[in-house]
């Protein structure tokens, strides 16, 4: 598994448009056999700063599987209006340093 992080800086008046776009684009992520999980977080201190976190089966399957699949064109069309708002888009390997505490 690999984790893709995409950092966006979206104009404050386009925040809801951005969220709505990813809600719509989630249909394509859900349809992809290469996408394991995803989440979007917004910075509390700086509204309009978002991190999209997507877990892929591998970098290769993200690039050569998902991006070449029949669901990618629609996904890209939906999120393309925010392409210039991307500050970082990279794939990261997990380390063995982690902890997750679940709360009710």
Protein backbone atom coordinates (compact mmCIF):
# COMPACT_ATOMS: atom_id res chain seq x y z
CA UNK A 1 0.00 0.00 0.00
CA UNK A 2 1.08 3.57 -0.74
CA UNK A 3 -0.46 6.86 0.42
CA UNK A 4 -0.91 9.80 -1.92
CA UNK A 5 -1.14 13.21 -0.29
CA UNK A 6 -2.47 16.14 -2.27
CA UNK A 7 -2.31 19.55 -0.60
CA UNK A 8 -4.65 22.21 -1.93
CA UNK A 9 -4.97 25.92 -1.20
CA UNK A 10 -8.48 26.80 -2.36
CA UNK A 11 -9.96 30.30 -2.30
CA UNK A 12 -12.30 30.60 0.67
CA UNK A 13 -15.31 31.36 -1.53
CA UNK A 14 -14.71 28.09 -3.47
CA UNK A 15 -14.45 25.79 -0.44
CA UNK A 16 -17.91 24.28 -0.81
CA UNK A 17 -17.43 23.88 -4.55
CA UNK A 18 -14.21 21.94 -3.83
CA UNK A 19 -15.91 19.70 -1.27
CA UNK A 20 -18.84 19.08 -3.62
CA UNK A 21 -16.44 18.18 -6.44
CA UNK A 22 -14.70 15.55 -4.34
CA UNK A 23 -18.03 14.17 -3.12
CA UNK A 24 -18.95 13.69 -6.78
CA UNK A 25 -15.49 12.35 -7.71
CA UNK A 26 -15.65 9.83 -4.88
CA UNK A 27 -17.88 7.71 -7.13
CA UNK A 28 -14.88 7.09 -9.40
CA UNK A 29 -12.58 6.39 -6.45
CA UNK A 30 -15.12 3.92 -5.08
CA UNK A 31 -15.27 2.19 -8.47
CA UNK A 32 -11.49 1.75 -8.69
CA UNK A 33 -9.99 -1.55 -7.63
CA UNK A 34 -6.73 0.32 -6.92
CA UNK A 35 -8.18 2.79 -4.38
CA UNK A 36 -8.26 1.29 -0.89
CA UNK A 37 -9.39 4.33 1.11
CA UNK A 38 -9.55 8.12 1.00
CA UNK A 39 -10.30 11.10 3.19
CA UNK A 40 -10.24 14.86 2.92
CA UNK A 41 -9.31 17.16 5.79
CA UNK A 42 -9.56 20.94 6.01
CA UNK A 43 -7.24 23.02 8.16
CA UNK A 44 -9.04 24.65 11.10
CA UNK A 45 -6.57 27.52 11.31
CA UNK A 46 -6.54 28.31 7.58
CA UNK A 47 -9.84 27.63 5.87
CA UNK A 48 -9.39 26.58 2.26
CA UNK A 49 -6.26 24.54 2.99
CA UNK A 50 -7.14 20.91 2.30
CA UNK A 51 -5.29 17.62 2.39
CA UNK A 52 -6.61 14.79 0.25
CA UNK A 53 -5.27 11.44 1.45
CA UNK A 54 -5.74 8.45 -0.83
CA UNK A 55 -4.50 4.94 -0.12
CA UNK A 56 -3.58 3.09 -3.32
CA UNK A 57 -2.55 -0.52 -3.81
CA UNK A 58 0.76 0.82 -5.20
CA UNK A 59 2.17 3.88 -6.96
CA UNK A 60 2.40 1.90 -10.19
CA UNK A 61 -1.22 0.75 -10.00
CA UNK A 62 -2.32 4.30 -9.26
CA UNK A 63 -0.46 5.72 -12.25
CA UNK A 64 -0.76 2.85 -14.73
CA UNK A 65 -4.01 1.37 -13.44
CA UNK A 66 -6.33 4.10 -12.16
CA UNK A 67 -5.07 6.90 -14.40
CA UNK A 68 -5.44 4.68 -17.47
CA UNK A 69 -8.80 3.24 -16.43
CA UNK A 70 -12.22 4.10 -17.82
CA UNK A 71 -13.19 5.93 -14.58
CA UNK A 72 -10.26 8.36 -14.58
CA UNK A 73 -11.46 10.76 -17.32
CA UNK A 74 -14.62 11.59 -15.39
CA UNK A 75 -12.70 11.84 -12.10
CA UNK A 76 -10.21 14.27 -13.65
CA UNK A 77 -12.94 16.35 -15.29
CA UNK A 78 -14.59 16.83 -11.88
CA UNK A 79 -11.44 17.84 -9.96
CA UNK A 80 -9.65 19.65 -12.82
CA UNK A 81 -11.04 23.11 -11.87
CA UNK A 82 -8.86 22.86 -8.74
CA UNK A 83 -5.70 21.59 -10.46
CA UNK A 84 -3.93 24.97 -10.17
CA UNK A 85 -4.71 25.03 -6.44
CA UNK A 86 -2.46 22.01 -5.80
CA UNK A 87 0.59 22.81 -3.69
CA UNK A 88 1.91 19.25 -3.41
CA UNK A 89 0.98 15.88 -4.88
CA UNK A 90 3.21 12.95 -3.88
CA UNK A 91 3.19 9.27 -2.97
CA UNK A 92 4.48 8.21 0.44
CA UNK A 93 5.49 4.83 1.86
CA UNK A 94 4.34 4.07 5.38
CA UNK A 95 6.95 3.49 8.05
CA UNK A 96 6.54 1.16 11.00
CA UNK A 97 6.07 4.16 13.30
CA UNK A 98 2.40 4.66 13.97
CA UNK A 99 -0.40 4.59 16.48
CA UNK A 100 -4.09 5.03 16.09
CA UNK A 101 -6.46 5.40 19.00
CA UNK A 102 -10.13 5.07 18.24
CA UNK A 103 -12.60 7.02 20.30
CA UNK A 104 -16.36 6.45 20.41
